Amino acid sequence: MSVSSLVQIGNDTVDLNKPCDVVTALRKVKLSVVTGGIAQTVRLDGEEVTFTKANLTALNALIVEYEAACARASGKTSRGRARRARWG
């Protein structure tokens, strides 16, 4: 039995083995949610999640995860995020 690596992200069907395509689809979802305030559904690994403005943090985390996978797949080294300093 073969497991499909195709997933539905918003209106796009993408291959999980192509993380750069996943990042592009996730960014479209984020743009749609942020600009229109509408909910967007993502189906990944047998789970379905609907993103709204209320859970953009989770969507951002998913984008970061697939950006890192995309960088690895492209042979690029991922740079760490800038650290924030707080001066009191």
Protein backbone atom coordinates (compact mmCIF):
# COMPACT_ATOMS: atom_id res chain seq x y z
CA MET A 1 0.00 0.00 0.00
CA SER A 2 1.44 3.32 -1.04
CA VAL A 3 0.88 6.55 0.86
CA SER A 4 0.35 9.64 -1.25
CA SER A 5 2.55 12.63 -0.58
CA LEU A 6 0.00 14.95 -2.19
CA VAL A 7 -1.81 17.29 0.19
CA GLN A 8 -4.42 20.00 -0.17
CA ILE A 9 -3.32 23.45 1.00
CA GLY A 10 -5.97 26.06 0.40
CA ASN A 11 -6.86 25.67 -3.28
CA ASP A 12 -3.55 24.03 -4.22
CA THR A 13 -2.60 20.36 -4.29
CA VAL A 14 1.12 20.06 -3.54
CA ASP A 15 3.66 17.29 -3.06
CA LEU A 16 5.15 17.12 0.45
CA ASN A 17 8.39 15.93 -1.17
CA LYS A 18 8.71 19.42 -2.68
CA PRO A 19 8.96 21.65 0.40
CA CYS A 20 9.45 24.83 -1.65
CA ASP A 21 6.06 24.23 -3.27
CA VAL A 22 4.57 23.68 0.18
CA VAL A 23 6.01 27.01 1.38
CA THR A 24 4.52 28.82 -1.61
CA ALA A 25 1.08 27.31 -0.99
CA LEU A 26 1.26 28.11 2.75
CA ARG A 27 2.21 31.71 2.01
CA LYS A 28 -0.83 32.00 -0.28
CA VAL A 29 -3.00 30.76 2.57
CA LYS A 30 -1.45 33.29 4.95
CA LEU A 31 -1.95 36.14 2.50
CA SER A 32 -5.56 35.12 2.00
CA VAL A 33 -6.23 34.95 5.74
CA VAL A 34 -4.46 38.21 6.54
CA THR A 35 -5.89 40.29 3.72
CA GLY A 36 -9.40 38.95 3.58
CA GLY A 37 -9.90 37.68 7.07
CA ILE A 38 -11.24 34.45 5.64
CA ALA A 39 -10.54 30.99 6.93
CA GLN A 40 -8.34 28.67 4.87
CA THR A 41 -8.10 24.91 5.27
CA VAL A 42 -4.87 22.93 5.07
CA ARG A 43 -4.76 19.13 4.95
CA LEU A 44 -1.37 17.71 5.99
CA ASP A 45 -0.44 14.24 7.16
CA GLY A 46 -4.05 13.13 7.50
CA GLU A 47 -5.03 16.13 9.59
CA GLU A 48 -7.16 19.06 8.60
CA VAL A 49 -6.58 22.49 10.11
CA THR A 50 -8.51 25.65 9.35
CA PHE A 51 -6.44 28.79 9.80
CA THR A 52 -7.95 32.13 10.72
CA LYS A 53 -6.50 35.36 12.02
CA ALA A 54 -6.81 33.84 15.49
CA ASN A 55 -4.18 31.18 14.82
CA LEU A 56 -1.70 32.88 12.48
CA THR A 57 1.07 31.94 14.91
CA ALA A 58 0.57 28.26 14.07
CA LEU A 59 0.54 29.04 10.35
CA ASN A 60 3.74 31.08 10.67
CA ALA A 61 5.42 28.18 12.50
CA LEU A 62 4.42 25.80 9.71
CA ILE A 63 5.83 28.20 7.11
CA VAL A 64 9.14 28.44 9.00
CA GLU A 65 9.33 24.64 9.19
CA TYR A 66 8.84 24.22 5.44
CA GLU A 67 11.17 27.15 4.62
CA ALA A 68 13.93 25.26 6.45
CA ALA A 69 13.07 22.05 4.58
CA CYS A 70 13.08 23.99 1.31
CA ALA A 71 16.51 25.44 2.11
CA ARG A 72 17.85 21.96 2.88
CA ALA A 73 16.35 20.53 -0.32
CA SER A 74 17.85 23.40 -2.32
CA GLY A 75 21.28 22.82 -0.78
CA LYS A 76 21.18 26.15 1.02
CA THR A 77 22.17 26.46 4.63
CA SER A 78 19.48 27.99 6.74
CA ARG A 79 20.52 30.96 8.77
CA GLY A 80 19.28 31.39 12.28
CA ARG A 81 16.73 34.07 12.92
CA ALA A 82 17.96 37.34 14.31
CA ARG A 83 17.81 37.42 18.05
CA ARG A 84 15.93 40.21 19.68
CA ALA A 85 17.54 42.14 22.48
CA ARG A 86 15.46 43.94 25.05
CA TRP A 87 16.97 46.91 26.78
CA GLY A 88 15.45 47.75 30.07
